[in-house]
Structure formats: structure tokens, C-alpha cells
Amino acid sequence: MSLESVIAHFKQWNREGDVMEFQTLSATVEQAAETIGVIPARIAKTLSFRGDGDKAILIVTAGDAKIDNKKFRDTFSFKARMLTPEEVLEQTGHVIGGVCPFGLANELDVFLDVSMKRFDTLFPACGSTNSAIELTCDELFQYSYANGWVDVCKGWQEEPFRETVGANLDKQ
């Protein structure tokens, strides 16, 4: 059901045909990078956190970025506490490994981390553990109805990476 909700979400921009489904898993950053044929940093991972009250917030980051707890607290004024897999499914409608800011079960606040801005395109999941779509940062912002850009990560390089892996885009 989750993949279908994401495909329905992309229909409003006539982009549903750009959602890729794979024969292999793309549930982790490493699996997605290998399946798609890009460096792990270009995988846009969506992390789910407890927000104020019962509502979750989503942070989309580059695949090589990690949440910096101090930056997170300074930005959102509360501690970064990730949701359990059950809470993620309840809040987003997506299973771990397919979480994305599209076709959500609930209206959630979505923030994009600046770690992604060094790339022309990135590959977020599309609601299943074997799907993705290639989007520019502007498209990711638009299609996710993002609240804004934040700087809440560490561990990533600001310099652009060179691609060294060949593409493996077997659509199914």
C-alpha cells in the first residue's frame, strides 16, 4: 500500500512513471547505492523523530550524514529522539527501509538537511524497501512539501564527490 500512496502522490506532477522499482533491496543507504549505482551520499535518507506532542517530524539527509544532537536541539528546541519502527509505520504509513516524505499517512513536518545541497540529484525511497526516484533538491523540496532547509547533521563532506560506480537501474 505504501508504494501505491507514493505513486499516487507523484501523479499530481506527472512523475509517477519516474518511480523505480528494483529486483534487489534498497532498504539501507548501502543497498540503495549499490542497486542504483551511485555513491551512498547521494541516497536521500528520511529519518523520523518525535516532535512536539504526538506528531512526528521527518528530516531528509544525505546518505553519509548523521544527526548532530546539539545542532538538532538548537534548531528544534527539543532532544532528537527517533521513533520505533511501529511508530514510524503509524506516523508515515511507510515501513523502515522505505520511509520517505511522500504519500504520508499523516500530515507531518518535513525538513531537508543542507547536506544534500552539494548534489545535482539525489535518490529518496518511495515507500517500499525496493524503490526510489531521482530528484533535484528543488524537486525534493516541492514534492515533500518541506517546511524548510535545516543544518542538523555532521559527518558529511561539503566538497562534491566524484561518481565512481556504474549505474544499475534495472526497472521492474
C-alpha atoms as a PDB file:
ATOM      1  CA  MET A   1       0.000   0.000   0.000  1.00  0.00           C
ATOM      2  CA  SER A   2       2.822   2.410   0.824  1.00  0.00           C
ATOM      3  CA  LEU A   3       4.414   2.335  -2.638  1.00  0.00           C
ATOM      4  CA  GLU A   4       0.971   2.930  -4.152  1.00  0.00           C
ATOM      5  CA  SER A   5       0.426   6.011  -1.958  1.00  0.00           C
ATOM      6  CA  VAL A   6       3.762   7.431  -3.140  1.00  0.00           C
ATOM      7  CA  ILE A   7       2.946   6.740  -6.802  1.00  0.00           C
ATOM      8  CA  ALA A   8      -0.429   8.455  -6.304  1.00  0.00           C
ATOM      9  CA  HIS A   9       1.395  11.394  -4.672  1.00  0.00           C
ATOM     10  CA  PHE A  10       3.652  11.834  -7.714  1.00  0.00           C
ATOM     11  CA  LYS A  11       0.709  11.753 -10.169  1.00  0.00           C
ATOM     12  CA  GLN A  12      -0.031  15.421  -9.428  1.00  0.00           C
ATOM     13  CA  TRP A  13       3.280  16.285 -11.161  1.00  0.00           C
ATOM     14  CA  ASN A  14       3.081  13.525 -13.789  1.00  0.00           C
ATOM     15  CA  ARG A  15       6.157  11.907 -12.195  1.00  0.00           C
ATOM     16  CA  GLU A  16       4.603   8.566 -11.201  1.00  0.00           C
ATOM     17  CA  GLY A  17       6.393   6.875 -14.118  1.00  0.00           C
ATOM     18  CA  ASP A  18       9.749   8.009 -12.688  1.00  0.00           C
ATOM     19  CA  VAL A  19       9.377   5.855  -9.567  1.00  0.00           C
ATOM     20  CA  MET A  20      11.808   2.962  -9.938  1.00  0.00           C
ATOM     21  CA  GLU A  21      11.146  -0.500  -8.512  1.00  0.00           C
ATOM     22  CA  PHE A  22      14.080  -2.885  -8.161  1.00  0.00           C
ATOM     23  CA  GLN A  23      14.557  -6.653  -8.018  1.00  0.00           C
ATOM     24  CA  THR A  24      17.031  -6.132  -5.158  1.00  0.00           C
ATOM     25  CA  LEU A  25      16.627  -4.438  -1.782  1.00  0.00           C
ATOM     26  CA  SER A  26      17.235  -0.712  -1.444  1.00  0.00           C
ATOM     27  CA  ALA A  27      16.279  -0.553   2.242  1.00  0.00           C
ATOM     28  CA  THR A  28      19.622   0.729   3.557  1.00  0.00           C
ATOM     29  CA  VAL A  29      21.783   3.527   2.196  1.00  0.00           C
ATOM     30  CA  GLU A  30      24.407   0.982   1.123  1.00  0.00           C
ATOM     31  CA  GLN A  31      21.879  -1.333  -0.566  1.00  0.00           C
ATOM     32  CA  ALA A  32      20.233   1.570  -2.383  1.00  0.00           C
ATOM     33  CA  ALA A  33      23.566   2.970  -3.565  1.00  0.00           C
ATOM     34  CA  GLU A  34      24.659  -0.425  -4.874  1.00  0.00           C
ATOM     35  CA  THR A  35      21.302  -1.094  -6.554  1.00  0.00           C
ATOM     36  CA  ILE A  36      21.118   2.338  -8.201  1.00  0.00           C
ATOM     37  CA  GLY A  37      24.837   2.609  -8.948  1.00  0.00           C
ATOM     38  CA  VAL A  38      25.693   5.832  -7.096  1.00  0.00           C
ATOM     39  CA  ILE A  39      27.799   6.758  -4.088  1.00  0.00           C
ATOM     40  CA  PRO A  40      25.989   6.310  -0.740  1.00  0.00           C
ATOM     41  CA  ALA A  41      25.974  10.062  -0.064  1.00  0.00           C
ATOM     42  CA  ARG A  42      23.504  10.551  -2.959  1.00  0.00           C
ATOM     43  CA  ILE A  43      20.862   8.415  -1.260  1.00  0.00           C
ATOM     44  CA  ALA A  44      18.403  10.753   0.476  1.00  0.00           C
ATOM     45  CA  LYS A  45      17.505   9.052   3.751  1.00  0.00           C
ATOM     46  CA  THR A  46      14.427  10.052   5.714  1.00  0.00           C
ATOM     47  CA  LEU A  47      14.719   9.924   9.497  1.00  0.00           C
ATOM     48  CA  SER A  48      11.686  10.021  11.805  1.00  0.00           C
ATOM     49  CA  PHE A  49      11.790  11.809  15.155  1.00  0.00           C
ATOM     50  CA  ARG A  50       9.386  12.564  17.962  1.00  0.00           C
ATOM     51  CA  GLY A  51       8.189  16.106  17.551  1.00  0.00           C
ATOM     52  CA  ASP A  52       6.198  18.272  19.913  1.00  0.00           C
ATOM     53  CA  GLY A  53       3.254  16.284  21.246  1.00  0.00           C
ATOM     54  CA  ASP A  54       2.280  13.127  19.369  1.00  0.00           C
ATOM     55  CA  LYS A  55       3.279  14.359  15.912  1.00  0.00           C
ATOM     56  CA  ALA A  56       6.499  13.120  14.302  1.00  0.00           C
ATOM     57  CA  ILE A  57       8.875  15.226  12.231  1.00  0.00           C
ATOM     58  CA  LEU A  58      10.862  13.959   9.270  1.00  0.00           C
ATOM     59  CA  ILE A  59      14.415  15.004   8.448  1.00  0.00           C
ATOM     60  CA  VAL A  60      15.731  14.103   4.992  1.00  0.00           C
ATOM     61  CA  THR A  61      19.536  13.974   4.842  1.00  0.00           C
ATOM     62  CA  ALA A  62      22.316  12.884   2.510  1.00  0.00           C
ATOM     63  CA  GLY A  63      23.249   9.235   2.876  1.00  0.00           C
ATOM     64  CA  ASP A  64      26.588   9.993   4.525  1.00  0.00           C
ATOM     65  CA  ALA A  65      25.225  12.462   7.094  1.00  0.00           C
ATOM     66  CA  LYS A  66      24.484  11.746  10.750  1.00  0.00           C
ATOM     67  CA  ILE A  67      22.252  13.751  13.089  1.00  0.00           C
ATOM     68  CA  ASP A  68      24.243  16.142  15.284  1.00  0.00           C
ATOM     69  CA  ASN A  69      22.337  16.172  18.587  1.00  0.00           C
ATOM     70  CA  LYS A  70      23.472  19.685  19.549  1.00  0.00           C
ATOM     71  CA  LYS A  71      22.523  21.182  16.172  1.00  0.00           C
ATOM     72  CA  PHE A  72      19.184  19.344  16.321  1.00  0.00           C
ATOM     73  CA  ARG A  73      18.389  20.673  19.798  1.00  0.00           C
ATOM     74  CA  ASP A  74      19.491  24.211  18.833  1.00  0.00           C
ATOM     75  CA  THR A  75      17.251  24.098  15.737  1.00  0.00           C
ATOM     76  CA  PHE A  76      14.121  22.443  17.140  1.00  0.00           C
ATOM     77  CA  SER A  77      14.393  23.205  20.890  1.00  0.00           C
ATOM     78  CA  PHE A  78      13.929  19.563  21.872  1.00  0.00           C
ATOM     79  CA  LYS A  79      16.063  16.436  22.018  1.00  0.00           C
ATOM     80  CA  ALA A  80      16.452  14.218  18.931  1.00  0.00           C
ATOM     81  CA  ARG A  81      14.560  11.015  19.757  1.00  0.00           C
ATOM     82  CA  MET A  82      13.938   8.606  16.906  1.00  0.00           C
ATOM     83  CA  LEU A  83      10.648   6.754  16.561  1.00  0.00           C
ATOM     84  CA  THR A  84      10.336   2.990  16.961  1.00  0.00           C
ATOM     85  CA  PRO A  85       9.638   1.007  13.768  1.00  0.00           C
ATOM     86  CA  GLU A  86       5.994   0.648  14.834  1.00  0.00           C
ATOM     87  CA  GLU A  87       5.674   4.407  15.412  1.00  0.00           C
ATOM     88  CA  VAL A  88       7.325   5.113  12.055  1.00  0.00           C
ATOM     89  CA  LEU A  89       4.758   2.939  10.266  1.00  0.00           C
ATOM     90  CA  GLU A  90       1.878   4.514  12.209  1.00  0.00           C
ATOM     91  CA  GLN A  91       3.043   8.106  11.603  1.00  0.00           C
ATOM     92  CA  THR A  92       4.256   7.834   7.980  1.00  0.00           C
ATOM     93  CA  GLY A  93       2.454   4.814   6.557  1.00  0.00           C
ATOM     94  CA  HIS A  94       5.855   3.536   5.384  1.00  0.00           C
ATOM     95  CA  VAL A  95       7.987   0.671   6.707  1.00  0.00           C
ATOM     96  CA  ILE A  96      11.590   1.182   7.796  1.00  0.00           C
ATOM     97  CA  GLY A  97      13.714   0.955   4.667  1.00  0.00           C
ATOM     98  CA  GLY A  98      11.064   2.652   2.542  1.00  0.00           C
ATOM     99  CA  VAL A  99      10.412   5.777   4.602  1.00  0.00           C
ATOM    100  CA  CYS A 100      10.155   8.910   2.507  1.00  0.00           C
ATOM    101  CA  PRO A 101       8.447  12.300   2.739  1.00  0.00           C
ATOM    102  CA  PHE A 102       5.883  11.433   0.021  1.00  0.00           C
ATOM    103  CA  GLY A 103       2.427   9.865   0.224  1.00  0.00           C
ATOM    104  CA  LEU A 104       2.383  10.100   4.009  1.00  0.00           C
ATOM    105  CA  ALA A 105      -0.389   8.615   6.153  1.00  0.00           C
ATOM    106  CA  ASN A 106      -0.433  11.792   8.295  1.00  0.00           C
ATOM    107  CA  GLU A 107       0.439  15.408   7.644  1.00  0.00           C
ATOM    108  CA  LEU A 108       3.940  15.723   9.103  1.00  0.00           C
ATOM    109  CA  ASP A 109       6.518  18.489   9.217  1.00  0.00           C
ATOM    110  CA  VAL A 110       9.336  17.711   6.774  1.00  0.00           C
ATOM    111  CA  PHE A 111      12.760  19.348   6.903  1.00  0.00           C
ATOM    112  CA  LEU A 112      15.597  18.934   4.406  1.00  0.00           C
ATOM    113  CA  ASP A 113      19.187  18.971   5.631  1.00  0.00           C
ATOM    114  CA  VAL A 114      21.750  21.110   3.811  1.00  0.00           C
ATOM    115  CA  SER A 115      23.998  18.029   3.462  1.00  0.00           C
ATOM    116  CA  MET A 116      22.043  17.241   0.263  1.00  0.00           C
ATOM    117  CA  LYS A 117      22.626  20.593  -1.440  1.00  0.00           C
ATOM    118  CA  ARG A 118      26.054  19.562  -2.789  1.00  0.00           C
ATOM    119  CA  PHE A 119      24.414  17.183  -5.297  1.00  0.00           C
ATOM    120  CA  ASP A 120      22.528  17.908  -8.510  1.00  0.00           C
ATOM    121  CA  THR A 121      20.212  14.955  -7.856  1.00  0.00           C
ATOM    122  CA  LEU A 122      19.514  12.507  -5.048  1.00  0.00           C
ATOM    123  CA  PHE A 123      17.572   9.268  -4.678  1.00  0.00           C
ATOM    124  CA  PRO A 124      14.963   9.089  -1.892  1.00  0.00           C
ATOM    125  CA  ALA A 125      12.992   5.893  -1.261  1.00  0.00           C
ATOM    126  CA  CYS A 126       9.413   5.663  -2.456  1.00  0.00           C
ATOM    127  CA  GLY A 127       7.565   3.858   0.316  1.00  0.00           C
ATOM    128  CA  SER A 128       8.949   0.333  -0.129  1.00  0.00           C
ATOM    129  CA  THR A 129      12.232  -1.452   0.516  1.00  0.00           C
ATOM    130  CA  ASN A 130      12.961  -1.731  -3.212  1.00  0.00           C
ATOM    131  CA  SER A 131      12.069   1.624  -4.754  1.00  0.00           C
ATOM    132  CA  ALA A 132      13.466   5.106  -5.370  1.00  0.00           C
ATOM    133  CA  ILE A 133      13.124   8.192  -7.541  1.00  0.00           C
ATOM    134  CA  GLU A 134      15.788  10.589  -8.796  1.00  0.00           C
ATOM    135  CA  LEU A 135      15.043  14.204  -7.811  1.00  0.00           C
ATOM    136  CA  THR A 136      16.816  17.549  -7.715  1.00  0.00           C
ATOM    137  CA  CYS A 137      16.929  19.372  -4.371  1.00  0.00           C
ATOM    138  CA  ASP A 138      14.277  21.792  -5.651  1.00  0.00           C
ATOM    139  CA  GLU A 139      12.011  18.895  -6.654  1.00  0.00           C
ATOM    140  CA  LEU A 140      12.587  17.174  -3.317  1.00  0.00           C
ATOM    141  CA  PHE A 141      11.619  20.400  -1.550  1.00  0.00           C
ATOM    142  CA  GLN A 142       8.487  20.852  -3.675  1.00  0.00           C
ATOM    143  CA  TYR A 143       7.260  17.247  -3.707  1.00  0.00           C
ATOM    144  CA  SER A 144       7.809  16.744   0.046  1.00  0.00           C
ATOM    145  CA  TYR A 145       6.034  19.995   0.953  1.00  0.00           C
ATOM    146  CA  ALA A 146       9.109  20.697   3.085  1.00  0.00           C
ATOM    147  CA  ASN A 147       8.913  23.266   5.860  1.00  0.00           C
ATOM    148  CA  GLY A 148      12.439  24.404   5.066  1.00  0.00           C
ATOM    149  CA  TRP A 149      16.147  23.666   4.944  1.00  0.00           C
ATOM    150  CA  VAL A 150      17.992  22.950   8.200  1.00  0.00           C
ATOM    151  CA  ASP A 151      21.594  22.273   9.220  1.00  0.00           C
ATOM    152  CA  VAL A 152      21.303  19.463  11.773  1.00  0.00           C
ATOM    153  CA  CYS A 153      23.869  16.920  10.542  1.00  0.00           C
ATOM    154  CA  LYS A 154      27.539  16.101  10.867  1.00  0.00           C
ATOM    155  CA  GLY A 155      29.962  13.687   9.252  1.00  0.00           C
ATOM    156  CA  TRP A 156      29.492  14.692   5.650  1.00  0.00           C
ATOM    157  CA  GLN A 157      31.895  16.439   3.313  1.00  0.00           C
ATOM    158  CA  GLU A 158      30.974  19.781   1.788  1.00  0.00           C
ATOM    159  CA  GLU A 159      33.054  19.176  -1.341  1.00  0.00           C
ATOM    160  CA  PRO A 160      31.220  17.442  -4.208  1.00  0.00           C
ATOM    161  CA  PHE A 161      32.016  13.767  -4.628  1.00  0.00           C
ATOM    162  CA  ARG A 162      33.047  12.171  -7.897  1.00  0.00           C
ATOM    163  CA  GLU A 163      30.911   9.341  -9.137  1.00  0.00           C
ATOM    164  CA  THR A 164      32.877   6.116  -9.482  1.00  0.00           C
ATOM    165  CA  VAL A 165      30.145   3.495  -9.642  1.00  0.00           C
ATOM    166  CA  GLY A 166      28.322   2.477 -12.833  1.00  0.00           C
ATOM    167  CA  ALA A 167      24.544   2.656 -12.998  1.00  0.00           C
ATOM    168  CA  ASN A 168      22.460  -0.447 -12.378  1.00  0.00           C
ATOM    169  CA  LEU A 169      18.944   0.849 -12.974  1.00  0.00           C
ATOM    170  CA  ASP A 170      17.026  -2.345 -13.736  1.00  0.00           C
ATOM    171  CA  LYS A 171      13.404  -1.244 -13.510  1.00  0.00           C
ATOM    172  CA  GLN A 172      10.803  -3.839 -12.832  1.00  0.00           C
END
